[in-house]
């Protein structure tokens, strides 16, 4: 499982093993202030990172940052 979140310390506290940091609390998977195409690219990068995290073997907790 991959936990996508804006507050990584909470994910670490609850024991998530694959953590992907996201954008902001009200809009974790996007930024409505960006133009449509830029926001779409941002969402695609986040989902791609989550899929990469899901396919990566981990031992313990790992934060998948840029």
PDB file of N, CA and C in Angstrom:
ATOM      1  N   UNK A   1       0.832  -1.165   0.000  1.00  0.00           N
ATOM      2  CA  UNK A   1       0.000   0.000   0.000  1.00  0.00           C
ATOM      3  C   UNK A   1       0.886   1.241   0.000  1.00  0.00           C
ATOM      4  N   UNK A   2       0.421   2.307  -0.642  1.00  0.00           N
ATOM      5  CA  UNK A   2       1.114   3.588  -0.674  1.00  0.00           C
ATOM      6  C   UNK A   2       0.234   4.617   0.008  1.00  0.00           C
ATOM      7  N   UNK A   3       0.801   5.358   0.933  1.00  0.00           N
ATOM      8  CA  UNK A   3       0.063   6.426   1.598  1.00  0.00           C
ATOM      9  C   UNK A   3       0.513   7.750   0.995  1.00  0.00           C
ATOM     10  N   UNK A   4      -0.405   8.420   0.299  1.00  0.00           N
ATOM     11  CA  UNK A   4      -0.121   9.733  -0.280  1.00  0.00           C
ATOM     12  C   UNK A   4      -0.668  10.759   0.710  1.00  0.00           C
ATOM     13  N   UNK A   5       0.206  11.667   1.169  1.00  0.00           N
ATOM     14  CA  UNK A   5      -0.216  12.577   2.223  1.00  0.00           C
ATOM     15  C   UNK A   5       0.517  13.907   2.152  1.00  0.00           C
ATOM     16  N   UNK A   6      -0.038  14.890   2.850  1.00  0.00           N
ATOM     17  CA  UNK A   6       0.608  16.192   2.914  1.00  0.00           C
ATOM     18  C   UNK A   6       1.441  16.356   4.179  1.00  0.00           C
ATOM     19  N   UNK A   7       1.137  15.572   5.205  1.00  0.00           N
ATOM     20  CA  UNK A   7       1.860  15.674   6.476  1.00  0.00           C
ATOM     21  C   UNK A   7       2.570  14.348   6.730  1.00  0.00           C
ATOM     22  N   UNK A   8       3.803  14.258   6.262  1.00  0.00           N
ATOM     23  CA  UNK A   8       4.582  13.017   6.334  1.00  0.00           C
ATOM     24  C   UNK A   8       4.775  12.510   7.763  1.00  0.00           C
ATOM     25  N   UNK A   9       5.037  13.357   8.760  1.00  0.00           N
ATOM     26  CA  UNK A   9       5.230  12.831  10.119  1.00  0.00           C
ATOM     27  C   UNK A   9       4.039  12.024  10.641  1.00  0.00           C
ATOM     28  N   UNK A  10       2.829  12.391  10.233  1.00  0.00           N
ATOM     29  CA  UNK A  10       1.660  11.610  10.658  1.00  0.00           C
ATOM     30  C   UNK A  10       1.710  10.224  10.029  1.00  0.00           C
ATOM     31  N   UNK A  11       2.055  10.149   8.759  1.00  0.00           N
ATOM     32  CA  UNK A  11       2.166   8.853   8.084  1.00  0.00           C
ATOM     33  C   UNK A  11       3.227   7.981   8.745  1.00  0.00           C
ATOM     34  N   UNK A  12       4.337   8.604   9.122  1.00  0.00           N
ATOM     35  CA  UNK A  12       5.397   7.855   9.805  1.00  0.00           C
ATOM     36  C   UNK A  12       4.914   7.353  11.162  1.00  0.00           C
ATOM     37  N   UNK A  13       4.148   8.174  11.865  1.00  0.00           N
ATOM     38  CA  UNK A  13       3.647   7.802  13.183  1.00  0.00           C
ATOM     39  C   UNK A  13       2.671   6.630  13.108  1.00  0.00           C
ATOM     40  N   UNK A  14       1.826   6.607  12.091  1.00  0.00           N
ATOM     41  CA  UNK A  14       0.842   5.531  11.994  1.00  0.00           C
ATOM     42  C   UNK A  14       1.412   4.266  11.353  1.00  0.00           C
ATOM     43  N   UNK A  15       2.668   4.331  10.913  1.00  0.00           N
ATOM     44  CA  UNK A  15       3.340   3.133  10.428  1.00  0.00           C
ATOM     45  C   UNK A  15       3.225   2.831   8.954  1.00  0.00           C
ATOM     46  N   UNK A  16       2.845   3.816   8.141  1.00  0.00           N
ATOM     47  CA  UNK A  16       2.793   3.586   6.695  1.00  0.00           C
ATOM     48  C   UNK A  16       4.192   3.234   6.196  1.00  0.00           C
ATOM     49  N   UNK A  17       4.278   2.244   5.310  1.00  0.00           N
ATOM     50  CA  UNK A  17       5.612   1.828   4.864  1.00  0.00           C
ATOM     51  C   UNK A  17       6.061   2.503   3.575  1.00  0.00           C
ATOM     52  N   UNK A  18       5.143   2.893   2.702  1.00  0.00           N
ATOM     53  CA  UNK A  18       5.488   3.630   1.473  1.00  0.00           C
ATOM     54  C   UNK A  18       4.727   4.947   1.516  1.00  0.00           C
ATOM     55  N   UNK A  19       5.463   6.047   1.581  1.00  0.00           N
ATOM     56  CA  UNK A  19       4.841   7.355   1.750  1.00  0.00           C
ATOM     57  C   UNK A  19       5.244   8.261   0.595  1.00  0.00           C
ATOM     58  N   UNK A  20       4.246   8.867  -0.043  1.00  0.00           N
ATOM     59  CA  UNK A  20       4.491   9.828  -1.124  1.00  0.00           C
ATOM     60  C   UNK A  20       3.938  11.178  -0.666  1.00  0.00           C
ATOM     61  N   UNK A  21       4.823  12.167  -0.449  1.00  0.00           N
ATOM     62  CA  UNK A  21       4.351  13.495  -0.073  1.00  0.00           C
ATOM     63  C   UNK A  21       3.546  14.129  -1.209  1.00  0.00           C
ATOM     64  N   UNK A  22       2.497  14.850  -0.847  1.00  0.00           N
ATOM     65  CA  UNK A  22       1.651  15.504  -1.842  1.00  0.00           C
ATOM     66  C   UNK A  22       1.698  17.014  -1.660  1.00  0.00           C
ATOM     67  N   UNK A  23       0.749  17.736  -2.250  1.00  0.00           N
ATOM     68  CA  UNK A  23       0.837  19.188  -2.397  1.00  0.00           C
ATOM     69  C   UNK A  23       0.395  19.966  -1.152  1.00  0.00           C
ATOM     70  N   UNK A  24      -0.869  19.895  -0.789  1.00  0.00           N
ATOM     71  CA  UNK A  24      -1.399  20.702   0.312  1.00  0.00           C
ATOM     72  C   UNK A  24      -2.623  20.014   0.907  1.00  0.00           C
ATOM     73  N   UNK A  25      -2.946  20.344   2.127  1.00  0.00           N
ATOM     74  CA  UNK A  25      -4.066  19.688   2.812  1.00  0.00           C
ATOM     75  C   UNK A  25      -5.382  19.830   2.042  1.00  0.00           C
ATOM     76  N   UNK A  26      -5.773  21.032   1.599  1.00  0.00           N
ATOM     77  CA  UNK A  26      -7.062  21.103   0.900  1.00  0.00           C
ATOM     78  C   UNK A  26      -7.043  20.498  -0.511  1.00  0.00           C
ATOM     79  N   UNK A  27      -5.859  20.357  -1.094  1.00  0.00           N
ATOM     80  CA  UNK A  27      -5.732  19.821  -2.455  1.00  0.00           C
ATOM     81  C   UNK A  27      -4.516  18.905  -2.516  1.00  0.00           C
ATOM     82  N   UNK A  28      -4.606  17.703  -1.921  1.00  0.00           N
ATOM     83  CA  UNK A  28      -3.417  16.842  -1.854  1.00  0.00           C
ATOM     84  C   UNK A  28      -2.893  16.394  -3.219  1.00  0.00           C
ATOM     85  N   UNK A  29      -3.761  16.216  -4.184  1.00  0.00           N
ATOM     86  CA  UNK A  29      -3.312  15.720  -5.485  1.00  0.00           C
ATOM     87  C   UNK A  29      -3.449  16.747  -6.591  1.00  0.00           C
ATOM     88  N   UNK A  30      -3.292  18.000  -6.252  1.00  0.00           N
ATOM     89  CA  UNK A  30      -3.382  19.016  -7.287  1.00  0.00           C
ATOM     90  C   UNK A  30      -3.158  20.402  -6.729  1.00  0.00           C
ATOM     91  N   UNK A  31      -3.211  21.377  -7.613  1.00  0.00           N
ATOM     92  CA  UNK A  31      -3.070  22.776  -7.243  1.00  0.00           C
ATOM     93  C   UNK A  31      -3.982  23.576  -8.159  1.00  0.00           C
ATOM     94  N   UNK A  32      -5.176  23.941  -7.669  1.00  0.00           N
ATOM     95  CA  UNK A  32      -6.145  24.616  -8.534  1.00  0.00           C
ATOM     96  C   UNK A  32      -5.692  25.981  -9.039  1.00  0.00           C
ATOM     97  N   UNK A  33      -4.609  26.514  -8.482  1.00  0.00           N
ATOM     98  CA  UNK A  33      -4.106  27.802  -8.955  1.00  0.00           C
ATOM     99  C   UNK A  33      -3.266  27.666 -10.227  1.00  0.00           C
ATOM    100  N   UNK A  34      -2.891  26.436 -10.570  1.00  0.00           N
ATOM    101  CA  UNK A  34      -2.109  26.200 -11.786  1.00  0.00           C
ATOM    102  C   UNK A  34      -3.026  26.152 -13.001  1.00  0.00           C
ATOM    103  N   UNK A  35      -2.494  26.474 -14.174  1.00  0.00           N
ATOM    104  CA  UNK A  35      -3.270  26.257 -15.401  1.00  0.00           C
ATOM    105  C   UNK A  35      -3.602  24.765 -15.537  1.00  0.00           C
ATOM    106  N   UNK A  36      -4.678  24.468 -16.230  1.00  0.00           N
ATOM    107  CA  UNK A  36      -5.172  23.095 -16.333  1.00  0.00           C
ATOM    108  C   UNK A  36      -4.083  22.100 -16.731  1.00  0.00           C
ATOM    109  N   UNK A  37      -3.339  22.385 -17.774  1.00  0.00           N
ATOM    110  CA  UNK A  37      -2.326  21.433 -18.250  1.00  0.00           C
ATOM    111  C   UNK A  37      -1.210  21.222 -17.224  1.00  0.00           C
ATOM    112  N   UNK A  38      -0.827  22.280 -16.521  1.00  0.00           N
ATOM    113  CA  UNK A  38       0.206  22.143 -15.488  1.00  0.00           C
ATOM    114  C   UNK A  38      -0.292  21.310 -14.310  1.00  0.00           C
ATOM    115  N   UNK A  39      -1.546  21.530 -13.925  1.00  0.00           N
ATOM    116  CA  UNK A  39      -2.107  20.743 -12.825  1.00  0.00           C
ATOM    117  C   UNK A  39      -2.232  19.277 -13.234  1.00  0.00           C
ATOM    118  N   UNK A  40      -2.641  19.036 -14.465  1.00  0.00           N
ATOM    119  CA  UNK A  40      -2.736  17.667 -14.962  1.00  0.00           C
ATOM    120  C   UNK A  40      -1.373  16.982 -14.918  1.00  0.00           C
ATOM    121  N   UNK A  41      -0.318  17.689 -15.300  1.00  0.00           N
ATOM    122  CA  UNK A  41       1.041  17.136 -15.262  1.00  0.00           C
ATOM    123  C   UNK A  41       1.469  16.860 -13.817  1.00  0.00           C
ATOM    124  N   UNK A  42       1.116  17.758 -12.901  1.00  0.00           N
ATOM    125  CA  UNK A  42       1.430  17.562 -11.486  1.00  0.00           C
ATOM    126  C   UNK A  42       0.750  16.299 -10.959  1.00  0.00           C
ATOM    127  N   UNK A  43      -0.529  16.148 -11.262  1.00  0.00           N
ATOM    128  CA  UNK A  43      -1.262  14.958 -10.814  1.00  0.00           C
ATOM    129  C   UNK A  43      -0.653  13.687 -11.394  1.00  0.00           C
ATOM    130  N   UNK A  44      -0.276  13.742 -12.657  1.00  0.00           N
ATOM    131  CA  UNK A  44       0.329  12.581 -13.311  1.00  0.00           C
ATOM    132  C   UNK A  44       1.649  12.204 -12.636  1.00  0.00           C
ATOM    133  N   UNK A  45       2.475  13.210 -12.300  1.00  0.00           N
ATOM    134  CA  UNK A  45       3.742  12.938 -11.609  1.00  0.00           C
ATOM    135  C   UNK A  45       3.504  12.285 -10.246  1.00  0.00           C
ATOM    136  N   UNK A  46       2.520  12.781  -9.504  1.00  0.00           N
ATOM    137  CA  UNK A  46       2.231  12.207  -8.187  1.00  0.00           C
ATOM    138  C   UNK A  46       1.748  10.766  -8.290  1.00  0.00           C
ATOM    139  N   UNK A  47       0.861  10.498  -9.221  1.00  0.00           N
ATOM    140  CA  UNK A  47       0.364   9.130  -9.399  1.00  0.00           C
ATOM    141  C   UNK A  47       1.478   8.222  -9.888  1.00  0.00           C
ATOM    142  N   UNK A  48       2.317   8.724 -10.786  1.00  0.00           N
ATOM    143  CA  UNK A  48       3.453   7.937 -11.266  1.00  0.00           C
ATOM    144  C   UNK A  48       4.403   7.599 -10.121  1.00  0.00           C
ATOM    145  N   UNK A  49       4.647   8.577  -9.250  1.00  0.00           N
ATOM    146  CA  UNK A  49       5.515   8.346  -8.098  1.00  0.00           C
ATOM    147  C   UNK A  49       4.898   7.295  -7.169  1.00  0.00           C
ATOM    148  N   UNK A  50       3.589   7.349  -6.987  1.00  0.00           N
ATOM    149  CA  UNK A  50       2.907   6.363  -6.139  1.00  0.00           C
ATOM    150  C   UNK A  50       2.999   4.957  -6.750  1.00  0.00           C
ATOM    151  N   UNK A  51       2.852   4.857  -8.056  1.00  0.00           N
ATOM    152  CA  UNK A  51       2.971   3.551  -8.712  1.00  0.00           C
ATOM    153  C   UNK A  51       4.394   3.013  -8.598  1.00  0.00           C
ATOM    154  N   UNK A  52       5.374   3.904  -8.716  1.00  0.00           N
ATOM    155  CA  UNK A  52       6.765   3.500  -8.528  1.00  0.00           C
ATOM    156  C   UNK A  52       6.977   3.005  -7.097  1.00  0.00           C
ATOM    157  N   UNK A  53       6.436   3.719  -6.131  1.00  0.00           N
ATOM    158  CA  UNK A  53       6.563   3.317  -4.727  1.00  0.00           C
ATOM    159  C   UNK A  53       5.917   1.952  -4.496  1.00  0.00           C
ATOM    160  N   UNK A  54       4.766   1.738  -5.110  1.00  0.00           N
ATOM    161  CA  UNK A  54       4.055   0.477  -4.942  1.00  0.00           C
ATOM    162  C   UNK A  54       4.844  -0.701  -5.494  1.00  0.00           C
ATOM    163  N   UNK A  55       5.620  -0.455  -6.536  1.00  0.00           N
ATOM    164  CA  UNK A  55       6.379  -1.541  -7.154  1.00  0.00           C
ATOM    165  C   UNK A  55       7.793  -1.684  -6.583  1.00  0.00           C
ATOM    166  N   UNK A  56       8.118  -0.895  -5.568  1.00  0.00           N
ATOM    167  CA  UNK A  56       9.447  -0.926  -4.956  1.00  0.00           C
ATOM    168  C   UNK A  56       9.413  -1.732  -3.662  1.00  0.00           C
ATOM    169  N   UNK A  57      10.347  -2.672  -3.537  1.00  0.00           N
ATOM    170  CA  UNK A  57      10.476  -3.423  -2.284  1.00  0.00           C
ATOM    171  C   UNK A  57      10.982  -2.482  -1.195  1.00  0.00           C
ATOM    172  N   UNK A  58      10.356  -2.531  -0.038  1.00  0.00           N
ATOM    173  CA  UNK A  58      10.815  -1.718   1.084  1.00  0.00           C
ATOM    174  C   UNK A  58      10.955  -2.598   2.312  1.00  0.00           C
ATOM    175  N   UNK A  59      11.874  -2.201   3.162  1.00  0.00           N
ATOM    176  CA  UNK A  59      12.061  -2.868   4.444  1.00  0.00           C
ATOM    177  C   UNK A  59      11.897  -1.777   5.496  1.00  0.00           C
ATOM    178  N   UNK A  60      10.747  -1.723   6.107  1.00  0.00           N
ATOM    179  CA  UNK A  60      10.453  -0.625   7.028  1.00  0.00           C
ATOM    180  C   UNK A  60       9.750   0.494   6.298  1.00  0.00           C
ATOM    181  N   UNK A  61       9.957   1.720   6.766  1.00  0.00           N
ATOM    182  CA  UNK A  61       9.294   2.867   6.179  1.00  0.00           C
ATOM    183  C   UNK A  61      10.220   3.584   5.194  1.00  0.00           C
ATOM    184  N   UNK A  62       9.607   4.074   4.092  1.00  0.00           N
ATOM    185  CA  UNK A  62      10.372   4.829   3.101  1.00  0.00           C
ATOM    186  C   UNK A  62       9.506   5.957   2.578  1.00  0.00           C
ATOM    187  N   UNK A  63      10.086   7.170   2.550  1.00  0.00           N
ATOM    188  CA  UNK A  63       9.412   8.327   1.981  1.00  0.00           C
ATOM    189  C   UNK A  63       9.965   8.520   0.571  1.00  0.00           C
ATOM    190  N   UNK A  64       9.084   8.522  -0.421  1.00  0.00           N
ATOM    191  CA  UNK A  64       9.455   8.673  -1.819  1.00  0.00           C
ATOM    192  C   UNK A  64       9.351  10.145  -2.203  1.00  0.00           C
ATOM    193  N   UNK A  65      10.468  10.859  -2.039  1.00  0.00           N
ATOM    194  CA  UNK A  65      10.503  12.271  -2.388  1.00  0.00           C
ATOM    195  C   UNK A  65      11.160  12.423  -3.754  1.00  0.00           C
ATOM    196  N   UNK A  66      11.135  13.650  -4.283  1.00  0.00           N
ATOM    197  CA  UNK A  66      11.774  13.900  -5.585  1.00  0.00           C
ATOM    198  C   UNK A  66      13.249  13.666  -5.532  1.00  0.00           C
TER     199      UNK A  66
END
